[in-house]
Amino acid sequence: MNNYNVLKEIILNNNSFILTTHVNPDADAIGSELALYLVLKQLNRKVHVINHSATPYNLEFLDEENVIQKFNFELHEKIFNETDVLIFVDLNRVNRVVKLEDCVKNFKGIKICIDHHQDPENFFDYIFGGTEYSATGEIIYDFIKETSIVNIDYKIAYQLYAAIMTDTGSFRYERTTPKLHKIVAELLETGVNPTEVYEKIYNQFNFERIKLLGKALNSIELDSSKKIAYMTITLQDQLFYNTTEDDIDGFVSYCLSIKGVLIGILFYEMNDGVKISFRSKGDINVNKLAEEFGGGGHINASGSRLYNVQLNEIKDKVIAAAQNYIKE
């Protein structure tokens, strides 16, 4: 049970805030940050939204006021030193802020985590949320409603809708509850247009991304059990199609569309290592699989980043580990 009044009191008793989220943020991360930003601005608080990564191009429309800043140590160290409260949204592991990590670990103020992933790190002063939530946006909604700290206007609702819609797979994932549909109905009543939000997030991709998707689909292979499907994107692929990491969002889910496949894996080669995305069906816990490779996430959706390793030296190890999670 979350005591959101504690969070309300922290907000009312402090003047300056930094909001941040994980590397390569998705719509739940961006929407949750911006919804909380709007709450704090309504209360006339000083707020900085500072992320490691630039906002993905298909989500830039959410930040119409350009409030999100890309982290720069020289510009932001002083801000970290002078701020009262640091709030992490949609992550519970400090290493997921990447270049912000030193500033975060040296932060002297109150550290708050608002998140719905498993196994939070023992670093934060306060944690709000939990794995029963479908999205971090749903947590922000509950906080606002239970405390009446502000009213949910159109701008806040727009951010929360984008956060919830995307992190529920357009309302098809397991945690899409009757309660959640009631929340969404209330958000739509403020004037949010669901067709518009979906169109901007999912139907405005660069041509190069679609070409890369074709290459990724063509790379899909099955393991010996035919229950694990994996796709591979190399540095050469990215250079050929002139794409970035933002462009691969959602690719791994295609692996699970194959009949009989229970685990989908995406191997994405980086300049300094390999990013691995895991997806699964049913009760197959790919969060535990991701933890074997230094990552984490949800039961059915997780990931990890391995640095200073080669794609060809890690691929077979990951597939072998994944086979241990397949139930006969």
C-alpha atoms as a PDB file:
ATOM      1  CA  MET A   1       0.000   0.000   0.000  1.00  0.00           C
ATOM      2  CA  ASN A   2       1.479   3.326  -1.052  1.00  0.00           C
ATOM      3  CA  ASN A   3       1.151   6.267   1.314  1.00  0.00           C
ATOM      4  CA  TYR A   4       1.027   8.963  -1.316  1.00  0.00           C
ATOM      5  CA  ASN A   5       0.478  11.635   1.320  1.00  0.00           C
ATOM      6  CA  VAL A   6       4.159  11.201   2.223  1.00  0.00           C
ATOM      7  CA  LEU A   7       5.074  12.125  -1.348  1.00  0.00           C
ATOM      8  CA  LYS A   8       2.637  15.041  -1.241  1.00  0.00           C
ATOM      9  CA  GLU A   9       4.247  16.383   1.940  1.00  0.00           C
ATOM     10  CA  ILE A  10       7.731  16.106   0.428  1.00  0.00           C
ATOM     11  CA  ILE A  11       6.578  18.112  -2.580  1.00  0.00           C
ATOM     12  CA  LEU A  12       4.831  20.757  -0.487  1.00  0.00           C
ATOM     13  CA  ASN A  13       7.778  21.114   1.903  1.00  0.00           C
ATOM     14  CA  ASN A  14      10.509  21.501  -0.723  1.00  0.00           C
ATOM     15  CA  ASN A  15      11.128  24.036  -3.454  1.00  0.00           C
ATOM     16  CA  SER A  16      13.421  22.532  -6.094  1.00  0.00           C
ATOM     17  CA  PHE A  17      13.231  19.235  -7.962  1.00  0.00           C
ATOM     18  CA  ILE A  18      15.111  17.234 -10.574  1.00  0.00           C
ATOM     19  CA  LEU A  19      13.240  14.589 -12.568  1.00  0.00           C
ATOM     20  CA  THR A  20      15.098  11.901 -14.498  1.00  0.00           C
ATOM     21  CA  THR A  21      14.532   8.531 -16.118  1.00  0.00           C
ATOM     22  CA  HIS A  22      16.319   5.633 -17.764  1.00  0.00           C
ATOM     23  CA  VAL A  23      18.594   5.556 -20.796  1.00  0.00           C
ATOM     24  CA  ASN A  24      16.701   5.491 -24.123  1.00  0.00           C
ATOM     25  CA  PRO A  25      13.394   6.514 -22.548  1.00  0.00           C
ATOM     26  CA  ASP A  26      10.065   5.217 -23.815  1.00  0.00           C
ATOM     27  CA  ALA A  27       6.692   6.960 -23.707  1.00  0.00           C
ATOM     28  CA  ASP A  28       5.967   5.799 -20.161  1.00  0.00           C
ATOM     29  CA  ALA A  29       9.213   7.378 -18.996  1.00  0.00           C
ATOM     30  CA  ILE A  30       8.770  10.630 -20.925  1.00  0.00           C
ATOM     31  CA  GLY A  31       5.037  10.931 -20.247  1.00  0.00           C
ATOM     32  CA  SER A  32       5.471  10.262 -16.533  1.00  0.00           C
ATOM     33  CA  GLU A  33       8.276  12.803 -16.254  1.00  0.00           C
ATOM     34  CA  LEU A  34       6.287  15.474 -18.042  1.00  0.00           C
ATOM     35  CA  ALA A  35       3.068  14.775 -16.130  1.00  0.00           C
ATOM     36  CA  LEU A  36       4.954  15.153 -12.839  1.00  0.00           C
ATOM     37  CA  TYR A  37       6.689  18.249 -14.203  1.00  0.00           C
ATOM     38  CA  LEU A  38       3.278  19.806 -14.912  1.00  0.00           C
ATOM     39  CA  VAL A  39       2.097  18.949 -11.388  1.00  0.00           C
ATOM     40  CA  LEU A  40       5.143  20.605  -9.848  1.00  0.00           C
ATOM     41  CA  LYS A  41       4.864  23.700 -12.069  1.00  0.00           C
ATOM     42  CA  GLN A  42       1.217  24.122 -11.049  1.00  0.00           C
ATOM     43  CA  LEU A  43       2.553  24.295  -7.484  1.00  0.00           C
ATOM     44  CA  ASN A  44       5.141  26.908  -8.535  1.00  0.00           C
ATOM     45  CA  ARG A  45       8.069  24.638  -7.806  1.00  0.00           C
ATOM     46  CA  LYS A  46      11.432  24.936  -9.525  1.00  0.00           C
ATOM     47  CA  VAL A  47      11.827  21.870 -11.754  1.00  0.00           C
ATOM     48  CA  HIS A  48      14.538  20.509 -14.042  1.00  0.00           C
ATOM     49  CA  VAL A  49      13.959  17.441 -16.200  1.00  0.00           C
ATOM     50  CA  ILE A  50      17.398  16.004 -16.999  1.00  0.00           C
ATOM     51  CA  ASN A  51      17.932  12.759 -18.922  1.00  0.00           C
ATOM     52  CA  HIS A  52      20.962  10.851 -20.137  1.00  0.00           C
ATOM     53  CA  SER A  53      19.439  10.304 -23.573  1.00  0.00           C
ATOM     54  CA  ALA A  54      17.841  12.667 -26.026  1.00  0.00           C
ATOM     55  CA  THR A  55      14.089  12.192 -26.402  1.00  0.00           C
ATOM     56  CA  PRO A  56      13.294   9.730 -29.226  1.00  0.00           C
ATOM     57  CA  TYR A  57      12.114  11.605 -32.302  1.00  0.00           C
ATOM     58  CA  ASN A  58       8.655   9.988 -32.293  1.00  0.00           C
ATOM     59  CA  LEU A  59       8.098  11.214 -28.712  1.00  0.00           C
ATOM     60  CA  GLU A  60       9.312  14.786 -29.151  1.00  0.00           C
ATOM     61  CA  PHE A  61       5.717  15.965 -29.610  1.00  0.00           C
ATOM     62  CA  LEU A  62       5.063  15.169 -25.934  1.00  0.00           C
ATOM     63  CA  ASP A  63       7.649  17.765 -24.895  1.00  0.00           C
ATOM     64  CA  GLU A  64       6.133  20.673 -26.770  1.00  0.00           C
ATOM     65  CA  GLU A  65       7.629  23.164 -24.299  1.00  0.00           C
ATOM     66  CA  ASN A  66      11.136  21.672 -24.688  1.00  0.00           C
ATOM     67  CA  VAL A  67      11.627  21.258 -20.952  1.00  0.00           C
ATOM     68  CA  ILE A  68      13.671  18.032 -21.130  1.00  0.00           C
ATOM     69  CA  GLN A  69      17.420  18.632 -21.008  1.00  0.00           C
ATOM     70  CA  LYS A  70      20.111  16.218 -22.149  1.00  0.00           C
ATOM     71  CA  PHE A  71      22.629  15.762 -19.361  1.00  0.00           C
ATOM     72  CA  ASN A  72      25.841  17.766 -19.481  1.00  0.00           C
ATOM     73  CA  PHE A  73      28.077  17.529 -16.424  1.00  0.00           C
ATOM     74  CA  GLU A  74      29.448  21.070 -16.720  1.00  0.00           C
ATOM     75  CA  LEU A  75      25.963  22.535 -17.037  1.00  0.00           C
ATOM     76  CA  HIS A  76      24.137  20.375 -14.521  1.00  0.00           C
ATOM     77  CA  GLU A  77      26.542  19.573 -11.665  1.00  0.00           C
ATOM     78  CA  LYS A  78      25.681  22.860  -9.913  1.00  0.00           C
ATOM     79  CA  ILE A  79      21.950  22.174 -10.320  1.00  0.00           C
ATOM     80  CA  PHE A  80      22.329  18.765  -8.679  1.00  0.00           C
ATOM     81  CA  ASN A  81      24.230  20.344  -5.803  1.00  0.00           C
ATOM     82  CA  GLU A  82      21.540  22.972  -5.198  1.00  0.00           C
ATOM     83  CA  THR A  83      18.350  20.910  -5.592  1.00  0.00           C
ATOM     84  CA  ASP A  84      16.206  19.627  -2.722  1.00  0.00           C
ATOM     85  CA  VAL A  85      14.625  16.509  -4.237  1.00  0.00           C
ATOM     86  CA  LEU A  86      15.664  14.085  -6.974  1.00  0.00           C
ATOM     87  CA  ILE A  87      12.870  11.939  -8.441  1.00  0.00           C
ATOM     88  CA  PHE A  88      13.525   8.884 -10.591  1.00  0.00           C
ATOM     89  CA  VAL A  89      10.610   7.732 -12.736  1.00  0.00           C
ATOM     90  CA  ASP A  90      10.215   4.412 -14.529  1.00  0.00           C
ATOM     91  CA  LEU A  91      13.460   2.911 -13.228  1.00  0.00           C
ATOM     92  CA  ASN A  92      14.699   1.451  -9.958  1.00  0.00           C
ATOM     93  CA  ARG A  93      18.377   0.833 -10.733  1.00  0.00           C
ATOM     94  CA  VAL A  94      20.792   3.752 -10.545  1.00  0.00           C
ATOM     95  CA  ASN A  95      23.063   2.486 -13.320  1.00  0.00           C
ATOM     96  CA  ARG A  96      20.216   3.034 -15.797  1.00  0.00           C
ATOM     97  CA  VAL A  97      20.805   6.793 -15.671  1.00  0.00           C
ATOM     98  CA  VAL A  98      24.278   6.116 -17.177  1.00  0.00           C
ATOM     99  CA  LYS A  99      26.207   9.424 -17.309  1.00  0.00           C
ATOM    100  CA  LEU A 100      24.141  10.941 -14.495  1.00  0.00           C
ATOM    101  CA  GLU A 101      25.265   8.219 -12.096  1.00  0.00           C
ATOM    102  CA  ASP A 102      28.069  10.165 -10.385  1.00  0.00           C
ATOM    103  CA  CYS A 103      25.855  13.203  -9.789  1.00  0.00           C
ATOM    104  CA  VAL A 104      23.066  10.952  -8.555  1.00  0.00           C
ATOM    105  CA  LYS A 105      25.294   9.083  -6.109  1.00  0.00           C
ATOM    106  CA  ASN A 106      26.667  12.358  -4.735  1.00  0.00           C
ATOM    107  CA  PHE A 107      23.215  13.928  -4.395  1.00  0.00           C
ATOM    108  CA  LYS A 108      22.638  15.216  -0.860  1.00  0.00           C
ATOM    109  CA  GLY A 109      18.892  15.790  -0.986  1.00  0.00           C
ATOM    110  CA  ILE A 110      15.880  13.464  -0.875  1.00  0.00           C
ATOM    111  CA  LYS A 111      15.922  10.635  -3.437  1.00  0.00           C
ATOM    112  CA  ILE A 112      12.548   9.276  -4.571  1.00  0.00           C
ATOM    113  CA  CYS A 113      11.756   6.371  -6.884  1.00  0.00           C
ATOM    114  CA  ILE A 114       8.394   6.148  -8.702  1.00  0.00           C
ATOM    115  CA  ASP A 115       8.369   2.891 -10.624  1.00  0.00           C
ATOM    116  CA  HIS A 116       6.639  -0.400 -11.491  1.00  0.00           C
ATOM    117  CA  HIS A 117       9.603  -2.715 -12.139  1.00  0.00           C
ATOM    118  CA  GLN A 118      10.739  -5.629  -9.995  1.00  0.00           C
ATOM    119  CA  ASP A 119      13.471  -5.720  -7.346  1.00  0.00           C
ATOM    120  CA  PRO A 120      14.242  -2.049  -6.619  1.00  0.00           C
ATOM    121  CA  GLU A 121      17.776  -1.175  -5.626  1.00  0.00           C
ATOM    122  CA  ASN A 122      18.419  -0.256  -1.986  1.00  0.00           C
ATOM    123  CA  PHE A 123      19.419   3.301  -2.782  1.00  0.00           C
ATOM    124  CA  PHE A 124      16.334   5.501  -2.588  1.00  0.00           C
ATOM    125  CA  ASP A 125      14.939   7.266   0.468  1.00  0.00           C
ATOM    126  CA  TYR A 126      11.373   6.602  -0.661  1.00  0.00           C
ATOM    127  CA  ILE A 127       9.825   4.244  -3.226  1.00  0.00           C
ATOM    128  CA  PHE A 128       6.299   4.623  -4.593  1.00  0.00           C
ATOM    129  CA  GLY A 129       4.495   2.266  -6.962  1.00  0.00           C
ATOM    130  CA  GLY A 130       4.986  -1.464  -7.364  1.00  0.00           C
ATOM    131  CA  THR A 131       4.743  -4.290  -9.862  1.00  0.00           C
ATOM    132  CA  GLU A 132       0.942  -4.366  -9.649  1.00  0.00           C
ATOM    133  CA  TYR A 133       0.872  -1.209 -11.762  1.00  0.00           C
ATOM    134  CA  SER A 134       0.681  -1.406 -15.542  1.00  0.00           C
ATOM    135  CA  ALA A 135       2.810   1.690 -16.076  1.00  0.00           C
ATOM    136  CA  THR A 136       4.553   4.437 -14.163  1.00  0.00           C
ATOM    137  CA  GLY A 137       1.921   6.756 -15.623  1.00  0.00           C
ATOM    138  CA  GLU A 138      -0.727   4.841 -13.670  1.00  0.00           C
ATOM    139  CA  ILE A 139       1.249   5.436 -10.457  1.00  0.00           C
ATOM    140  CA  ILE A 140       1.380   9.180 -11.145  1.00  0.00           C
ATOM    141  CA  TYR A 141      -2.374   9.136 -11.772  1.00  0.00           C
ATOM    142  CA  ASP A 142      -3.075   7.375  -8.458  1.00  0.00           C
ATOM    143  CA  PHE A 143      -0.819   9.807  -6.610  1.00  0.00           C
ATOM    144  CA  ILE A 144      -2.659  12.820  -8.027  1.00  0.00           C
ATOM    145  CA  LYS A 145      -6.122  11.391  -7.420  1.00  0.00           C
ATOM    146  CA  GLU A 146      -5.499  10.072  -3.902  1.00  0.00           C
ATOM    147  CA  THR A 147      -3.879  13.281  -2.661  1.00  0.00           C
ATOM    148  CA  SER A 148      -5.832  15.862  -4.721  1.00  0.00           C
ATOM    149  CA  ILE A 149      -2.543  17.718  -4.989  1.00  0.00           C
ATOM    150  CA  VAL A 150      -3.742  19.238  -8.291  1.00  0.00           C
ATOM    151  CA  ASN A 151      -6.544  18.591 -10.764  1.00  0.00           C
ATOM    152  CA  ILE A 152      -5.803  16.428 -13.778  1.00  0.00           C
ATOM    153  CA  ASP A 153      -6.211  18.844 -16.668  1.00  0.00           C
ATOM    154  CA  TYR A 154      -5.869  18.143 -20.389  1.00  0.00           C
ATOM    155  CA  LYS A 155      -2.088  18.591 -20.451  1.00  0.00           C
ATOM    156  CA  ILE A 156      -1.454  16.191 -17.581  1.00  0.00           C
ATOM    157  CA  ALA A 157      -3.998  13.705 -18.947  1.00  0.00           C
ATOM    158  CA  TYR A 158      -2.321  13.762 -22.367  1.00  0.00           C
ATOM    159  CA  GLN A 159       1.025  12.712 -20.845  1.00  0.00           C
ATOM    160  CA  LEU A 160      -0.535  10.048 -18.644  1.00  0.00           C
ATOM    161  CA  TYR A 161      -2.525   8.593 -21.524  1.00  0.00           C
ATOM    162  CA  ALA A 162       0.598   8.300 -23.695  1.00  0.00           C
ATOM    163  CA  ALA A 163       2.459   6.644 -20.807  1.00  0.00           C
ATOM    164  CA  ILE A 164      -0.269   4.117 -20.026  1.00  0.00           C
ATOM    165  CA  MET A 165      -1.285   3.326 -23.597  1.00  0.00           C
ATOM    166  CA  THR A 166       2.236   2.453 -24.679  1.00  0.00           C
ATOM    167  CA  ASP A 167       3.297   0.471 -21.613  1.00  0.00           C
ATOM    168  CA  THR A 168       0.168  -1.684 -21.812  1.00  0.00           C
ATOM    169  CA  GLY A 169       0.811  -2.518 -25.465  1.00  0.00           C
ATOM    170  CA  SER A 170      -2.258  -0.463 -26.418  1.00  0.00           C
ATOM    171  CA  PHE A 171      -4.228  -2.080 -23.578  1.00  0.00           C
ATOM    172  CA  ARG A 172      -3.508  -5.724 -24.394  1.00  0.00           C
ATOM    173  CA  TYR A 173      -0.957  -6.718 -21.729  1.00  0.00           C
ATOM    174  CA  GLU A 174      -1.755  -8.668 -18.577  1.00  0.00           C
ATOM    175  CA  ARG A 175      -2.072  -5.710 -16.201  1.00  0.00           C
ATOM    176  CA  THR A 176      -4.795  -4.077 -18.282  1.00  0.00           C
ATOM    177  CA  THR A 177      -7.459  -4.161 -15.577  1.00  0.00           C
ATOM    178  CA  PRO A 178     -11.019  -2.822 -15.327  1.00  0.00           C
ATOM    179  CA  LYS A 179      -9.612  -0.138 -13.038  1.00  0.00           C
ATOM    180  CA  LEU A 180      -7.159   0.891 -15.736  1.00  0.00           C
ATOM    181  CA  HIS A 181      -9.902   1.271 -18.328  1.00  0.00           C
ATOM    182  CA  LYS A 182     -11.777   3.528 -15.907  1.00  0.00           C
ATOM    183  CA  ILE A 183      -8.642   5.633 -15.498  1.00  0.00           C
ATOM    184  CA  VAL A 184      -8.242   5.896 -19.258  1.00  0.00           C
ATOM    185  CA  ALA A 185     -11.900   6.879 -19.657  1.00  0.00           C
ATOM    186  CA  GLU A 186     -11.334   9.749 -17.228  1.00  0.00           C
ATOM    187  CA  LEU A 187      -8.235  10.875 -19.132  1.00  0.00           C
ATOM    188  CA  LEU A 188     -10.150  10.839 -22.415  1.00  0.00           C
ATOM    189  CA  GLU A 189     -12.907  12.941 -20.863  1.00  0.00           C
ATOM    190  CA  THR A 190     -10.424  15.834 -20.620  1.00  0.00           C
ATOM    191  CA  GLY A 191     -10.279  15.912 -24.431  1.00  0.00           C
ATOM    192  CA  VAL A 192      -7.343  13.598 -25.167  1.00  0.00           C
ATOM    193  CA  ASN A 193      -7.696  12.124 -28.669  1.00  0.00           C
ATOM    194  CA  PRO A 194      -6.509   8.472 -28.594  1.00  0.00           C
ATOM    195  CA  THR A 195      -6.219   8.251 -32.378  1.00  0.00           C
ATOM    196  CA  GLU A 196      -3.919  11.275 -32.442  1.00  0.00           C
ATOM    197  CA  VAL A 197      -1.633   9.970 -29.687  1.00  0.00           C
ATOM    198  CA  TYR A 198      -1.320   6.537 -31.279  1.00  0.00           C
ATOM    199  CA  GLU A 199      -0.705   8.011 -34.727  1.00  0.00           C
ATOM    200  CA  LYS A 200       2.084  10.272 -33.513  1.00  0.00           C
ATOM    201  CA  ILE A 201       3.869   7.560 -31.534  1.00  0.00           C
ATOM    202  CA  TYR A 202       3.513   4.563 -33.837  1.00  0.00           C
ATOM    203  CA  ASN A 203       2.759   5.814 -37.342  1.00  0.00           C
ATOM    204  CA  GLN A 204       5.323   8.565 -37.859  1.00  0.00           C
ATOM    205  CA  PHE A 205       8.536   6.557 -38.069  1.00  0.00           C
ATOM    206  CA  ASN A 206      11.468   7.357 -40.309  1.00  0.00           C
ATOM    207  CA  PHE A 207      11.689   5.450 -43.582  1.00  0.00           C
ATOM    208  CA  GLU A 208      15.084   4.118 -42.474  1.00  0.00           C
ATOM    209  CA  ARG A 209      13.512   2.444 -39.447  1.00  0.00           C
ATOM    210  CA  ILE A 210      11.127   0.478 -41.623  1.00  0.00           C
ATOM    211  CA  LYS A 211      14.012  -0.685 -43.809  1.00  0.00           C
ATOM    212  CA  LEU A 212      15.944  -1.759 -40.687  1.00  0.00           C
ATOM    213  CA  LEU A 213      12.871  -3.626 -39.443  1.00  0.00           C
ATOM    214  CA  GLY A 214      12.858  -5.619 -42.669  1.00  0.00           C
ATOM    215  CA  LYS A 215      16.513  -6.532 -42.106  1.00  0.00           C
ATOM    216  CA  ALA A 216      15.816  -7.465 -38.488  1.00  0.00           C
ATOM    217  CA  LEU A 217      12.865  -9.668 -39.433  1.00  0.00           C
ATOM    218  CA  ASN A 218      14.989 -11.405 -42.040  1.00  0.00           C
ATOM    219  CA  SER A 219      17.604 -12.150 -39.346  1.00  0.00           C
ATOM    220  CA  ILE A 220      15.199 -14.061 -37.075  1.00  0.00           C
ATOM    221  CA  GLU A 221      16.310 -17.560 -36.172  1.00  0.00           C
ATOM    222  CA  LEU A 222      14.858 -20.308 -33.978  1.00  0.00           C
ATOM    223  CA  ASP A 223      16.794 -22.319 -31.425  1.00  0.00           C
ATOM    224  CA  SER A 224      16.770 -26.131 -31.510  1.00  0.00           C
ATOM    225  CA  SER A 225      13.572 -26.285 -29.436  1.00  0.00           C
ATOM    226  CA  LYS A 226      11.808 -23.824 -31.760  1.00  0.00           C
ATOM    227  CA  LYS A 227      10.526 -22.107 -28.625  1.00  0.00           C
ATOM    228  CA  ILE A 228      13.094 -19.296 -28.661  1.00  0.00           C
ATOM    229  CA  ALA A 229      13.275 -16.813 -31.524  1.00  0.00           C
ATOM    230  CA  TYR A 230      16.054 -14.274 -31.780  1.00  0.00           C
ATOM    231  CA  MET A 231      16.898 -11.423 -34.112  1.00  0.00           C
ATOM    232  CA  THR A 232      20.198  -9.613 -34.586  1.00  0.00           C
ATOM    233  CA  ILE A 233      21.026  -6.052 -35.565  1.00  0.00           C
ATOM    234  CA  THR A 234      24.700  -5.348 -36.226  1.00  0.00           C
ATOM    235  CA  LEU A 235      26.635  -2.104 -36.358  1.00  0.00           C
ATOM    236  CA  GLN A 236      26.913  -2.619 -40.099  1.00  0.00           C
ATOM    237  CA  ASP A 237      23.106  -2.740 -40.371  1.00  0.00           C
ATOM    238  CA  GLN A 238      22.783   0.508 -38.458  1.00  0.00           C
ATOM    239  CA  LEU A 239      25.371   2.283 -40.593  1.00  0.00           C
ATOM    240  CA  PHE A 240      23.817   1.017 -43.813  1.00  0.00           C
ATOM    241  CA  TYR A 241      20.332   2.253 -42.902  1.00  0.00           C
ATOM    242  CA  ASN A 242      21.519   5.311 -40.924  1.00  0.00           C
ATOM    243  CA  THR A 243      19.489   4.421 -37.817  1.00  0.00           C
ATOM    244  CA  THR A 244      19.890   4.840 -34.063  1.00  0.00           C
ATOM    245  CA  GLU A 245      18.915   2.811 -31.012  1.00  0.00           C
ATOM    246  CA  ASP A 246      15.612   4.691 -30.829  1.00  0.00           C
ATOM    247  CA  ASP A 247      14.591   3.048 -34.092  1.00  0.00           C
ATOM    248  CA  ILE A 248      14.552  -0.520 -32.709  1.00  0.00           C
ATOM    249  CA  ASP A 249      11.821   0.075 -30.145  1.00  0.00           C
ATOM    250  CA  GLY A 250       9.281  -2.737 -30.387  1.00  0.00           C
ATOM    251  CA  PHE A 251      11.273  -4.912 -32.795  1.00  0.00           C
ATOM    252  CA  VAL A 252      11.742  -7.787 -30.340  1.00  0.00           C
ATOM    253  CA  SER A 253       7.983  -8.315 -30.010  1.00  0.00           C
ATOM    254  CA  TYR A 254       7.870  -9.704 -33.556  1.00  0.00           C
ATOM    255  CA  CYS A 255       9.759 -12.751 -32.289  1.00  0.00           C
ATOM    256  CA  LEU A 256       6.790 -13.656 -30.081  1.00  0.00           C
ATOM    257  CA  SER A 257       4.389 -13.534 -33.034  1.00  0.00           C
ATOM    258  CA  ILE A 258       5.806 -16.855 -34.279  1.00  0.00           C
ATOM    259  CA  LYS A 259       3.657 -19.881 -33.439  1.00  0.00           C
ATOM    260  CA  GLY A 260       5.109 -21.906 -30.584  1.00  0.00           C
ATOM    261  CA  VAL A 261       7.703 -19.332 -29.555  1.00  0.00           C
ATOM    262  CA  LEU A 262       7.767 -18.559 -25.834  1.00  0.00           C
ATOM    263  CA  ILE A 263      10.859 -16.324 -25.565  1.00  0.00           C
ATOM    264  CA  GLY A 264      11.931 -13.587 -27.968  1.00  0.00           C
ATOM    265  CA  ILE A 265      15.399 -12.040 -27.906  1.00  0.00           C
ATOM    266  CA  LEU A 266      16.893  -9.072 -29.731  1.00  0.00           C
ATOM    267  CA  PHE A 267      20.667  -8.694 -29.935  1.00  0.00           C
ATOM    268  CA  TYR A 268      21.642  -5.116 -30.752  1.00  0.00           C
ATOM    269  CA  GLU A 269      25.327  -4.451 -31.341  1.00  0.00           C
ATOM    270  CA  MET A 270      26.653  -1.184 -29.871  1.00  0.00           C
ATOM    271  CA  ASN A 271      30.003   0.522 -30.365  1.00  0.00           C
ATOM    272  CA  ASP A 272      31.047  -0.540 -26.872  1.00  0.00           C
ATOM    273  CA  GLY A 273      29.070  -3.724 -26.306  1.00  0.00           C
ATOM    274  CA  VAL A 274      25.698  -5.392 -26.841  1.00  0.00           C
ATOM    275  CA  LYS A 275      22.168  -4.477 -25.823  1.00  0.00           C
ATOM    276  CA  ILE A 276      19.837  -7.447 -25.303  1.00  0.00           C
ATOM    277  CA  SER A 277      16.039  -7.232 -25.147  1.00  0.00           C
ATOM    278  CA  PHE A 278      13.978 -10.129 -23.779  1.00  0.00           C
ATOM    279  CA  ARG A 279      10.253 -10.836 -24.152  1.00  0.00           C
ATOM    280  CA  SER A 280       8.249 -13.859 -23.044  1.00  0.00           C
ATOM    281  CA  LYS A 281       4.785 -15.343 -22.794  1.00  0.00           C
ATOM    282  CA  GLY A 282       2.916 -16.601 -19.749  1.00  0.00           C
ATOM    283  CA  ASP A 283       4.857 -17.130 -16.539  1.00  0.00           C
ATOM    284  CA  ILE A 284       8.298 -17.378 -18.129  1.00  0.00           C
ATOM    285  CA  ASN A 285      10.334 -14.911 -16.077  1.00  0.00           C
ATOM    286  CA  VAL A 286      12.772 -13.204 -18.429  1.00  0.00           C
ATOM    287  CA  ASN A 287      13.506 -10.682 -15.685  1.00  0.00           C
ATOM    288  CA  LYS A 288      15.544 -13.416 -14.004  1.00  0.00           C
ATOM    289  CA  LEU A 289      17.149 -14.238 -17.337  1.00  0.00           C
ATOM    290  CA  ALA A 290      18.109 -10.588 -17.817  1.00  0.00           C
ATOM    291  CA  GLU A 291      19.569 -10.509 -14.295  1.00  0.00           C
ATOM    292  CA  GLU A 292      22.005 -13.247 -15.321  1.00  0.00           C
ATOM    293  CA  PHE A 293      23.450 -10.701 -17.724  1.00  0.00           C
ATOM    294  CA  GLY A 294      23.376  -7.672 -15.451  1.00  0.00           C
ATOM    295  CA  GLY A 295      19.936  -6.405 -16.423  1.00  0.00           C
ATOM    296  CA  GLY A 296      16.356  -6.525 -15.221  1.00  0.00           C
ATOM    297  CA  GLY A 297      12.818  -5.319 -15.839  1.00  0.00           C
ATOM    298  CA  HIS A 298       9.460  -7.109 -15.807  1.00  0.00           C
ATOM    299  CA  ILE A 299       8.525 -10.797 -15.801  1.00  0.00           C
ATOM    300  CA  ASN A 300       7.662 -10.725 -19.510  1.00  0.00           C
ATOM    301  CA  ALA A 301       9.757  -7.783 -20.707  1.00  0.00           C
ATOM    302  CA  SER A 302      13.336  -7.133 -19.649  1.00  0.00           C
ATOM    303  CA  GLY A 303      16.723  -6.185 -20.978  1.00  0.00           C
ATOM    304  CA  SER A 304      20.404  -5.806 -20.298  1.00  0.00           C
ATOM    305  CA  ARG A 305      23.466  -3.985 -21.584  1.00  0.00           C
ATOM    306  CA  LEU A 306      26.834  -5.667 -21.712  1.00  0.00           C
ATOM    307  CA  TYR A 307      29.905  -3.535 -22.222  1.00  0.00           C
ATOM    308  CA  ASN A 308      33.256  -4.540 -23.683  1.00  0.00           C
ATOM    309  CA  VAL A 309      31.887  -7.777 -25.122  1.00  0.00           C
ATOM    310  CA  GLN A 310      31.547  -8.918 -28.717  1.00  0.00           C
ATOM    311  CA  LEU A 311      28.240  -9.946 -30.257  1.00  0.00           C
ATOM    312  CA  ASN A 312      29.529 -13.305 -31.441  1.00  0.00           C
ATOM    313  CA  GLU A 313      30.935 -14.221 -28.018  1.00  0.00           C
ATOM    314  CA  ILE A 314      27.749 -13.551 -26.043  1.00  0.00           C
ATOM    315  CA  LYS A 315      25.002 -14.728 -28.381  1.00  0.00           C
ATOM    316  CA  ASP A 316      25.301 -18.483 -27.770  1.00  0.00           C
ATOM    317  CA  LYS A 317      25.630 -17.949 -24.012  1.00  0.00           C
ATOM    318  CA  VAL A 318      22.398 -15.972 -23.857  1.00  0.00           C
ATOM    319  CA  ILE A 319      20.466 -18.496 -25.946  1.00  0.00           C
ATOM    320  CA  ALA A 320      21.773 -21.363 -23.818  1.00  0.00           C
ATOM    321  CA  ALA A 321      20.716 -19.531 -20.657  1.00  0.00           C
ATOM    322  CA  ALA A 322      17.273 -18.816 -22.147  1.00  0.00           C
ATOM    323  CA  GLN A 323      16.732 -22.516 -22.831  1.00  0.00           C
ATOM    324  CA  ASN A 324      16.811 -23.135 -19.084  1.00  0.00           C
ATOM    325  CA  TYR A 325      13.617 -21.067 -18.762  1.00  0.00           C
ATOM    326  CA  ILE A 326      11.592 -23.085 -21.241  1.00  0.00           C
ATOM    327  CA  LYS A 327       9.207 -25.480 -19.509  1.00  0.00           C
ATOM    328  CA  GLU A 328       8.532 -28.758 -21.235  1.00  0.00           C
END
